PDB file of N, CA and C in Angstrom:
ATOM      1  N   MET A   1     -21.669 115.927  -3.782  1.00  0.00           N
ATOM      2  CA  MET A   1     -20.796 115.545  -4.874  1.00  0.00           C
ATOM      3  C   MET A   1     -19.409 116.121  -4.585  1.00  0.00           C
ATOM      4  N   GLY A   2     -18.389 115.283  -4.705  1.00  0.00           N
ATOM      5  CA  GLY A   2     -17.020 115.704  -4.448  1.00  0.00           C
ATOM      6  C   GLY A   2     -16.425 116.489  -5.609  1.00  0.00           C
ATOM      7  N   SER A   3     -15.297 117.107  -5.345  1.00  0.00           N
ATOM      8  CA  SER A   3     -14.631 117.936  -6.360  1.00  0.00           C
ATOM      9  C   SER A   3     -14.282 117.147  -7.616  1.00  0.00           C
ATOM     10  N   ARG A   4     -13.794 115.929  -7.436  1.00  0.00           N
ATOM     11  CA  ARG A   4     -13.404 115.137  -8.609  1.00  0.00           C
ATOM     12  C   ARG A   4     -14.617 114.862  -9.494  1.00  0.00           C
ATOM     13  N   ALA A   5     -15.756 114.556  -8.883  1.00  0.00           N
ATOM     14  CA  ALA A   5     -16.977 114.281  -9.646  1.00  0.00           C
ATOM     15  C   ALA A   5     -17.489 115.535 -10.351  1.00  0.00           C
ATOM     16  N   ILE A   6     -17.386 116.679  -9.683  1.00  0.00           N
ATOM     17  CA  ILE A   6     -17.816 117.941 -10.301  1.00  0.00           C
ATOM     18  C   ILE A   6     -16.941 118.269 -11.500  1.00  0.00           C
ATOM     19  N   ILE A   7     -15.630 118.130 -11.339  1.00  0.00           N
ATOM     20  CA  ILE A   7     -14.704 118.400 -12.444  1.00  0.00           C
ATOM     21  C   ILE A   7     -14.977 117.440 -13.598  1.00  0.00           C
ATOM     22  N   ALA A   8     -15.175 116.162 -13.302  1.00  0.00           N
ATOM     23  CA  ALA A   8     -15.454 115.163 -14.328  1.00  0.00           C
ATOM     24  C   ALA A   8     -16.702 115.538 -15.117  1.00  0.00           C
ATOM     25  N   LYS A   9     -17.758 115.867 -14.390  1.00  0.00           N
ATOM     26  CA  LYS A   9     -19.026 116.233 -15.034  1.00  0.00           C
ATOM     27  C   LYS A   9     -18.867 117.483 -15.886  1.00  0.00           C
ATOM     28  N   ASN A  10     -18.128 118.461 -15.374  1.00  0.00           N
ATOM     29  CA  ASN A  10     -17.956 119.715 -16.101  1.00  0.00           C
ATOM     30  C   ASN A  10     -17.089 119.569 -17.343  1.00  0.00           C
ATOM     31  N   ILE A  11     -16.054 118.769 -17.274  1.00  0.00           N
ATOM     32  CA  ILE A  11     -15.234 118.553 -18.472  1.00  0.00           C
ATOM     33  C   ILE A  11     -16.111 117.982 -19.580  1.00  0.00           C
ATOM     34  N   LYS A  12     -16.892 116.972 -19.253  1.00  0.00           N
ATOM     35  CA  LYS A  12     -17.773 116.367 -20.261  1.00  0.00           C
ATOM     36  C   LYS A  12     -18.823 117.366 -20.734  1.00  0.00           C
ATOM     37  N   HIS A  13     -19.427 118.107 -19.806  1.00  0.00           N
ATOM     38  CA  HIS A  13     -20.466 119.077 -20.143  1.00  0.00           C
ATOM     39  C   HIS A  13     -19.942 120.116 -21.139  1.00  0.00           C
ATOM     40  N   PHE A  14     -18.809 120.741 -20.805  1.00  0.00           N
ATOM     41  CA  PHE A  14     -18.272 121.787 -21.672  1.00  0.00           C
ATOM     42  C   PHE A  14     -17.720 121.212 -22.980  1.00  0.00           C
ATOM     43  N   ARG A  15     -17.194 119.987 -22.937  1.00  0.00           N
ATOM     44  CA  ARG A  15     -16.715 119.351 -24.167  1.00  0.00           C
ATOM     45  C   ARG A  15     -17.878 119.126 -25.127  1.00  0.00           C
ATOM     46  N   LEU A  16     -18.983 118.601 -24.613  1.00  0.00           N
ATOM     47  CA  LEU A  16     -20.148 118.368 -25.464  1.00  0.00           C
ATOM     48  C   LEU A  16     -20.757 119.684 -25.946  1.00  0.00           C
ATOM     49  N   GLN A  17     -20.764 120.674 -25.078  1.00  0.00           N
ATOM     50  CA  GLN A  17     -21.279 121.983 -25.454  1.00  0.00           C
ATOM     51  C   GLN A  17     -20.486 122.565 -26.618  1.00  0.00           C
ATOM     52  N   LYS A  18     -19.187 122.309 -26.614  1.00  0.00           N
ATOM     53  CA  LYS A  18     -18.305 122.800 -27.680  1.00  0.00           C
ATOM     54  C   LYS A  18     -18.312 121.847 -28.888  1.00  0.00           C
ATOM     55  N   ARG A  19     -19.029 120.722 -28.755  1.00  0.00           N
ATOM     56  CA  ARG A  19     -19.159 119.712 -29.820  1.00  0.00           C
ATOM     57  C   ARG A  19     -17.808 119.098 -30.198  1.00  0.00           C
ATOM     58  N   LEU A  20     -17.013 118.803 -29.165  1.00  0.00           N
ATOM     59  CA  LEU A  20     -15.724 118.142 -29.359  1.00  0.00           C
ATOM     60  C   LEU A  20     -15.826 116.692 -28.909  1.00  0.00           C
ATOM     61  N   SER A  21     -15.158 115.810 -29.622  1.00  0.00           N
ATOM     62  CA  SER A  21     -15.039 114.429 -29.165  1.00  0.00           C
ATOM     63  C   SER A  21     -13.941 114.366 -28.104  1.00  0.00           C
ATOM     64  N   GLN A  22     -13.903 113.262 -27.379  1.00  0.00           N
ATOM     65  CA  GLN A  22     -12.815 113.077 -26.414  1.00  0.00           C
ATOM     66  C   GLN A  22     -11.476 113.122 -27.132  1.00  0.00           C
ATOM     67  N   GLU A  23     -11.435 112.547 -28.300  1.00  0.00           N
ATOM     68  CA  GLU A  23     -10.190 112.518 -29.065  1.00  0.00           C
ATOM     69  C   GLU A  23      -9.754 113.925 -29.478  1.00  0.00           C
ATOM     70  N   GLN A  24     -10.694 114.744 -29.915  1.00  0.00           N
ATOM     71  CA  GLN A  24     -10.356 116.114 -30.310  1.00  0.00           C
ATOM     72  C   GLN A  24      -9.848 116.921 -29.116  1.00  0.00           C
ATOM     73  N   LEU A  25     -10.533 116.777 -27.977  1.00  0.00           N
ATOM     74  CA  LEU A  25     -10.086 117.478 -26.769  1.00  0.00           C
ATOM     75  C   LEU A  25      -8.700 117.004 -26.368  1.00  0.00           C
ATOM     76  N   ALA A  26      -8.478 115.702 -26.414  1.00  0.00           N
ATOM     77  CA  ALA A  26      -7.188 115.136 -26.032  1.00  0.00           C
ATOM     78  C   ALA A  26      -6.062 115.664 -26.927  1.00  0.00           C
ATOM     79  N   LEU A  27      -6.300 115.683 -28.232  1.00  0.00           N
ATOM     80  CA  LEU A  27      -5.277 116.173 -29.164  1.00  0.00           C
ATOM     81  C   LEU A  27      -4.930 117.631 -28.888  1.00  0.00           C
ATOM     82  N   GLN A  28      -5.942 118.449 -28.662  1.00  0.00           N
ATOM     83  CA  GLN A  28      -5.699 119.870 -28.439  1.00  0.00           C
ATOM     84  C   GLN A  28      -5.070 120.155 -27.074  1.00  0.00           C
ATOM     85  N   ALA A  29      -5.370 119.286 -26.090  1.00  0.00           N
ATOM     86  CA  ALA A  29      -4.801 119.466 -24.741  1.00  0.00           C
ATOM     87  C   ALA A  29      -3.492 118.696 -24.577  1.00  0.00           C
ATOM     88  N   ASP A  30      -3.077 117.975 -25.628  1.00  0.00           N
ATOM     89  CA  ASP A  30      -1.824 117.222 -25.637  1.00  0.00           C
ATOM     90  C   ASP A  30      -1.797 116.112 -24.576  1.00  0.00           C
ATOM     91  N   VAL A  31      -2.912 115.350 -24.506  1.00  0.00           N
ATOM     92  CA  VAL A  31      -2.994 114.169 -23.644  1.00  0.00           C
ATOM     93  C   VAL A  31      -3.614 113.037 -24.451  1.00  0.00           C
ATOM     94  N   ASP A  32      -3.595 111.843 -23.905  1.00  0.00           N
ATOM     95  CA  ASP A  32      -4.179 110.692 -24.576  1.00  0.00           C
ATOM     96  C   ASP A  32      -5.702 110.691 -24.415  1.00  0.00           C
ATOM     97  N   ARG A  33      -6.424 110.171 -25.414  1.00  0.00           N
ATOM     98  CA  ARG A  33      -7.874 110.110 -25.356  1.00  0.00           C
ATOM     99  C   ARG A  33      -8.354 109.313 -24.159  1.00  0.00           C
ATOM    100  N   THR A  34      -7.629 108.239 -23.825  1.00  0.00           N
ATOM    101  CA  THR A  34      -8.040 107.421 -22.685  1.00  0.00           C
ATOM    102  C   THR A  34      -7.920 108.194 -21.379  1.00  0.00           C
ATOM    103  N   TYR A  35      -7.008 109.159 -21.336  1.00  0.00           N
ATOM    104  CA  TYR A  35      -6.863 110.000 -20.147  1.00  0.00           C
ATOM    105  C   TYR A  35      -8.072 110.921 -20.008  1.00  0.00           C
ATOM    106  N   VAL A  36      -8.536 111.488 -21.127  1.00  0.00           N
ATOM    107  CA  VAL A  36      -9.740 112.327 -21.098  1.00  0.00           C
ATOM    108  C   VAL A  36     -10.928 111.495 -20.632  1.00  0.00           C
ATOM    109  N   SER A  37     -11.037 110.288 -21.130  1.00  0.00           N
ATOM    110  CA  SER A  37     -12.110 109.391 -20.701  1.00  0.00           C
ATOM    111  C   SER A  37     -12.051 109.150 -19.194  1.00  0.00           C
ATOM    112  N   ALA A  38     -10.859 108.886 -18.685  1.00  0.00           N
ATOM    113  CA  ALA A  38     -10.684 108.647 -17.246  1.00  0.00           C
ATOM    114  C   ALA A  38     -11.020 109.898 -16.432  1.00  0.00           C
ATOM    115  N   LEU A  39     -10.684 111.069 -16.956  1.00  0.00           N
ATOM    116  CA  LEU A  39     -11.037 112.320 -16.272  1.00  0.00           C
ATOM    117  C   LEU A  39     -12.556 112.472 -16.188  1.00  0.00           C
ATOM    118  N   GLU A  40     -13.233 112.194 -17.302  1.00  0.00           N
ATOM    119  CA  GLU A  40     -14.686 112.351 -17.344  1.00  0.00           C
ATOM    120  C   GLU A  40     -15.411 111.318 -16.484  1.00  0.00           C
ATOM    121  N   ARG A  41     -14.764 110.212 -16.211  1.00  0.00           N
ATOM    122  CA  ARG A  41     -15.357 109.194 -15.331  1.00  0.00           C
ATOM    123  C   ARG A  41     -14.963 109.404 -13.880  1.00  0.00           C
ATOM    124  N   GLY A  42     -14.100 110.387 -13.619  1.00  0.00           N
ATOM    125  CA  GLY A  42     -13.673 110.673 -12.261  1.00  0.00           C
ATOM    126  C   GLY A  42     -12.665 109.685 -11.729  1.00  0.00           C
ATOM    127  N   VAL A  43     -11.971 108.999 -12.618  1.00  0.00           N
ATOM    128  CA  VAL A  43     -10.980 107.987 -12.236  1.00  0.00           C
ATOM    129  C   VAL A  43      -9.606 108.612 -12.010  1.00  0.00           C
ATOM    130  N   ARG A  44      -9.282 109.664 -12.751  1.00  0.00           N
ATOM    131  CA  ARG A  44      -7.966 110.304 -12.661  1.00  0.00           C
ATOM    132  C   ARG A  44      -8.080 111.690 -12.042  1.00  0.00           C
ATOM    133  N   ASN A  45      -6.993 112.116 -11.429  1.00  0.00           N
ATOM    134  CA  ASN A  45      -6.894 113.456 -10.846  1.00  0.00           C
ATOM    135  C   ASN A  45      -6.003 114.315 -11.734  1.00  0.00           C
ATOM    136  N   PRO A  46      -6.567 115.309 -12.414  1.00  0.00           N
ATOM    137  CA  PRO A  46      -5.746 116.149 -13.282  1.00  0.00           C
ATOM    138  C   PRO A  46      -4.943 117.168 -12.478  1.00  0.00           C
ATOM    139  N   SER A  47      -3.797 117.541 -13.011  1.00  0.00           N
ATOM    140  CA  SER A  47      -3.008 118.605 -12.393  1.00  0.00           C
ATOM    141  C   SER A  47      -3.665 119.949 -12.708  1.00  0.00           C
ATOM    142  N   VAL A  48      -3.279 120.959 -11.973  1.00  0.00           N
ATOM    143  CA  VAL A  48      -3.796 122.305 -12.230  1.00  0.00           C
ATOM    144  C   VAL A  48      -3.371 122.762 -13.622  1.00  0.00           C
ATOM    145  N   ASP A  49      -2.146 122.427 -14.012  1.00  0.00           N
ATOM    146  CA  ASP A  49      -1.673 122.800 -15.346  1.00  0.00           C
ATOM    147  C   ASP A  49      -2.540 122.173 -16.435  1.00  0.00           C
ATOM    148  N   LEU A  50      -2.913 120.908 -16.242  1.00  0.00           N
ATOM    149  CA  LEU A  50      -3.766 120.245 -17.235  1.00  0.00           C
ATOM    150  C   LEU A  50      -5.163 120.859 -17.235  1.00  0.00           C
ATOM    151  N   LEU A  51      -5.693 121.194 -16.073  1.00  0.00           N
ATOM    152  CA  LEU A  51      -7.001 121.853 -16.021  1.00  0.00           C
ATOM    153  C   LEU A  51      -6.961 123.177 -16.773  1.00  0.00           C
ATOM    154  N   ASP A  52      -5.843 123.904 -16.648  1.00  0.00           N
ATOM    155  CA  ASP A  52      -5.677 125.149 -17.404  1.00  0.00           C
ATOM    156  C   ASP A  52      -5.703 124.892 -18.903  1.00  0.00           C
ATOM    157  N   LYS A  53      -5.005 123.842 -19.355  1.00  0.00           N
ATOM    158  CA  LYS A  53      -4.982 123.489 -20.781  1.00  0.00           C
ATOM    159  C   LYS A  53      -6.372 123.123 -21.274  1.00  0.00           C
ATOM    160  N   ILE A  54      -7.072 122.299 -20.500  1.00  0.00           N
ATOM    161  CA  ILE A  54      -8.411 121.856 -20.890  1.00  0.00           C
ATOM    162  C   ILE A  54      -9.360 123.044 -20.949  1.00  0.00           C
ATOM    163  N   ALA A  55      -9.293 123.911 -19.953  1.00  0.00           N
ATOM    164  CA  ALA A  55     -10.141 125.102 -19.946  1.00  0.00           C
ATOM    165  C   ALA A  55      -9.852 125.972 -21.159  1.00  0.00           C
ATOM    166  N   ASP A  56      -8.586 126.106 -21.509  1.00  0.00           N
ATOM    167  CA  ASP A  56      -8.203 126.898 -22.678  1.00  0.00           C
ATOM    168  C   ASP A  56      -8.802 126.301 -23.949  1.00  0.00           C
ATOM    169  N   VAL A  57      -8.693 124.989 -24.111  1.00  0.00           N
ATOM    170  CA  VAL A  57      -9.262 124.318 -25.286  1.00  0.00           C
ATOM    171  C   VAL A  57     -10.781 124.511 -25.329  1.00  0.00           C
ATOM    172  N   LEU A  58     -11.420 124.454 -24.169  1.00  0.00           N
ATOM    173  CA  LEU A  58     -12.875 124.588 -24.095  1.00  0.00           C
ATOM    174  C   LEU A  58     -13.343 126.044 -24.088  1.00  0.00           C
ATOM    175  N   SER A  59     -12.403 126.980 -24.141  1.00  0.00           N
ATOM    176  CA  SER A  59     -12.701 128.419 -24.139  1.00  0.00           C
ATOM    177  C   SER A  59     -13.515 128.843 -22.916  1.00  0.00           C
ATOM    178  N   ILE A  60     -13.089 128.331 -21.751  1.00  0.00           N
ATOM    179  CA  ILE A  60     -13.726 128.695 -20.484  1.00  0.00           C
ATOM    180  C   ILE A  60     -12.634 129.067 -19.496  1.00  0.00           C
ATOM    181  N   LYS A  61     -13.029 129.611 -18.349  1.00  0.00           N
ATOM    182  CA  LYS A  61     -12.089 129.885 -17.273  1.00  0.00           C
ATOM    183  C   LYS A  61     -11.929 128.614 -16.449  1.00  0.00           C
ATOM    184  N   THR A  62     -10.736 128.366 -15.957  1.00  0.00           N
ATOM    185  CA  THR A  62     -10.453 127.164 -15.177  1.00  0.00           C
ATOM    186  C   THR A  62     -11.427 127.012 -14.013  1.00  0.00           C
ATOM    187  N   VAL A  63     -11.778 128.097 -13.380  1.00  0.00           N
ATOM    188  CA  VAL A  63     -12.674 128.041 -12.227  1.00  0.00           C
ATOM    189  C   VAL A  63     -14.037 127.439 -12.590  1.00  0.00           C
ATOM    190  N   GLN A  64     -14.452 127.556 -13.846  1.00  0.00           N
ATOM    191  CA  GLN A  64     -15.732 126.997 -14.273  1.00  0.00           C
ATOM    192  C   GLN A  64     -15.756 125.473 -14.170  1.00  0.00           C
ATOM    193  N   LEU A  65     -14.583 124.847 -14.178  1.00  0.00           N
ATOM    194  CA  LEU A  65     -14.534 123.397 -14.043  1.00  0.00           C
ATOM    195  C   LEU A  65     -14.871 122.951 -12.621  1.00  0.00           C
ATOM    196  N   PHE A  66     -14.829 123.888 -11.676  1.00  0.00           N
ATOM    197  CA  PHE A  66     -15.114 123.579 -10.273  1.00  0.00           C
ATOM    198  C   PHE A  66     -16.534 123.949  -9.858  1.00  0.00           C
ATOM    199  N   GLU A  67     -17.261 124.636 -10.729  1.00  0.00           N
ATOM    200  CA  GLU A  67     -18.595 125.106 -10.390  1.00  0.00           C
ATOM    201  C   GLU A  67     -19.642 124.047 -10.723  1.00  0.00           C
ATOM    202  N   THR A  68     -20.675 123.984  -9.906  1.00  0.00           N
ATOM    203  CA  THR A  68     -21.772 123.058 -10.174  1.00  0.00           C
ATOM    204  C   THR A  68     -22.582 123.617 -11.331  1.00  0.00           C
ATOM    205  N   THR A  69     -22.706 122.840 -12.404  1.00  0.00           N
ATOM    206  CA  THR A  69     -23.461 123.281 -13.578  1.00  0.00           C
ATOM    207  C   THR A  69     -24.933 122.989 -13.366  1.00  0.00           C
ATOM    208  N   LYS A  70     -25.750 123.887 -13.849  1.00  0.00           N
ATOM    209  CA  LYS A  70     -27.197 123.725 -13.748  1.00  0.00           C
ATOM    210  C   LYS A  70     -27.776 123.750 -15.149  1.00  0.00           C
ATOM    211  N   GLY A  71     -28.937 123.184 -15.288  1.00  0.00           N
ATOM    212  CA  GLY A  71     -29.591 123.212 -16.582  1.00  0.00           C
ATOM    213  C   GLY A  71     -29.402 121.911 -17.323  1.00  0.00           C
ATOM    214  N   GLN A  72     -29.888 121.905 -18.520  1.00  0.00           N
ATOM    215  CA  GLN A  72     -29.886 120.714 -19.342  1.00  0.00           C
ATOM    216  C   GLN A  72     -28.496 120.435 -19.913  1.00  0.00           C
ATOM    217  N   SER A  73     -28.142 119.164 -19.945  1.00  0.00           N
ATOM    218  CA  SER A  73     -26.860 118.771 -20.518  1.00  0.00           C
ATOM    219  C   SER A  73     -26.906 118.911 -22.028  1.00  0.00           C
ATOM    220  N   PRO A  74     -25.778 119.238 -22.640  1.00  0.00           N
ATOM    221  CA  PRO A  74     -25.728 119.314 -24.101  1.00  0.00           C
ATOM    222  C   PRO A  74     -26.010 117.953 -24.723  1.00  0.00           C
ATOM    223  N   LYS A  75     -26.494 117.956 -25.934  1.00  0.00           N
ATOM    224  CA  LYS A  75     -26.782 116.732 -26.660  1.00  0.00           C
ATOM    225  C   LYS A  75     -25.490 115.954 -26.902  1.00  0.00           C
ATOM    226  N   ALA A  76     -25.567 114.640 -26.744  1.00  0.00           N
ATOM    227  CA  ALA A  76     -24.400 113.779 -26.951  1.00  0.00           C
ATOM    228  C   ALA A  76     -23.968 113.798 -28.414  1.00  0.00           C
ATOM    229  N   LEU A  77     -22.694 113.594 -28.632  1.00  0.00           N
ATOM    230  CA  LEU A  77     -22.159 113.496 -29.987  1.00  0.00           C
ATOM    231  C   LEU A  77     -22.467 112.116 -30.550  1.00  0.00           C
ATOM    232  N   PRO A  78     -22.486 111.976 -31.873  1.00  0.00           N
ATOM    233  CA  PRO A  78     -22.682 110.648 -32.459  1.00  0.00           C
ATOM    234  C   PRO A  78     -21.578 109.707 -32.014  1.00  0.00           C
ATOM    235  N   ARG A  79     -21.919 108.446 -31.825  1.00  0.00           N
ATOM    236  CA  ARG A  79     -20.931 107.468 -31.363  1.00  0.00           C
ATOM    237  C   ARG A  79     -20.037 107.028 -32.519  1.00  0.00           C
ATOM    238  N   GLY A  80     -18.856 106.536 -32.167  1.00  0.00           N
ATOM    239  CA  GLY A  80     -17.921 106.020 -33.156  1.00  0.00           C
ATOM    240  C   GLY A  80     -16.908 107.067 -33.579  1.00  0.00           C
ATOM    241  N   ARG A  81     -15.895 106.596 -34.213  1.00  0.00           N
ATOM    242  CA  ARG A  81     -14.844 107.498 -34.666  1.00  0.00           C
ATOM    243  C   ARG A  81     -15.232 108.085 -36.004  1.00  0.00           C
ATOM    244  N   SER A  82     -14.915 109.346 -36.159  1.00  0.00           N
ATOM    245  CA  SER A  82     -15.153 109.977 -37.453  1.00  0.00           C
ATOM    246  C   SER A  82     -13.802 110.209 -38.100  1.00  0.00           C
ATOM    247  N   GLY A  83     -13.706 109.772 -39.290  1.00  0.00           N
ATOM    248  CA  GLY A  83     -12.451 109.941 -40.006  1.00  0.00           C
ATOM    249  C   GLY A  83     -12.752 110.367 -41.422  1.00  0.00           C
ATOM    250  N   PRO A  84     -11.734 110.519 -42.204  1.00  0.00           N
ATOM    251  CA  PRO A  84     -11.971 110.898 -43.600  1.00  0.00           C
ATOM    252  C   PRO A  84     -12.768 109.819 -44.304  1.00  0.00           C
ATOM    253  N   SER A  85     -13.759 110.253 -45.068  1.00  0.00           N
ATOM    254  CA  SER A  85     -14.571 109.276 -45.805  1.00  0.00           C
ATOM    255  C   SER A  85     -13.750 108.726 -46.954  1.00  0.00           C
ATOM    256  N   LYS A  86     -13.981 107.463 -47.236  1.00  0.00           N
ATOM    257  CA  LYS A  86     -13.227 106.796 -48.308  1.00  0.00           C
ATOM    258  C   LYS A  86     -14.066 106.770 -49.575  1.00  0.00           C
ATOM    259  N   ALA A  87     -13.476 107.211 -50.648  1.00  0.00           N
ATOM    260  CA  ALA A  87     -14.170 107.199 -51.943  1.00  0.00           C
ATOM    261  C   ALA A  87     -14.089 105.795 -52.516  1.00  0.00           C
ATOM    262  N   SER A  88     -15.179 105.364 -53.100  1.00  0.00           N
ATOM    263  CA  SER A  88     -15.213 104.015 -53.696  1.00  0.00           C
ATOM    264  C   SER A  88     -14.736 104.031 -55.100  1.00  0.00           C
TER     265      SER A  88
END
């Protein structure tokens, strides 16, 4: 597995572990949600500065994004956007 694939897998792994949506991670890291999606699919190459921001949001060390994770993946978040509920 190449570095880009490891980073992609780890961003998603730690994001789910922290129970953040792609949108929440994107807002806190000051990037677009579609960019987070592309990172998790291994389509985009993040800068070191962005990896630092993402690691900070995920409360991990940047180097952890480069390590091969072992064990069970965190449970997926519910699908769809969550927003304020509307009162009838």
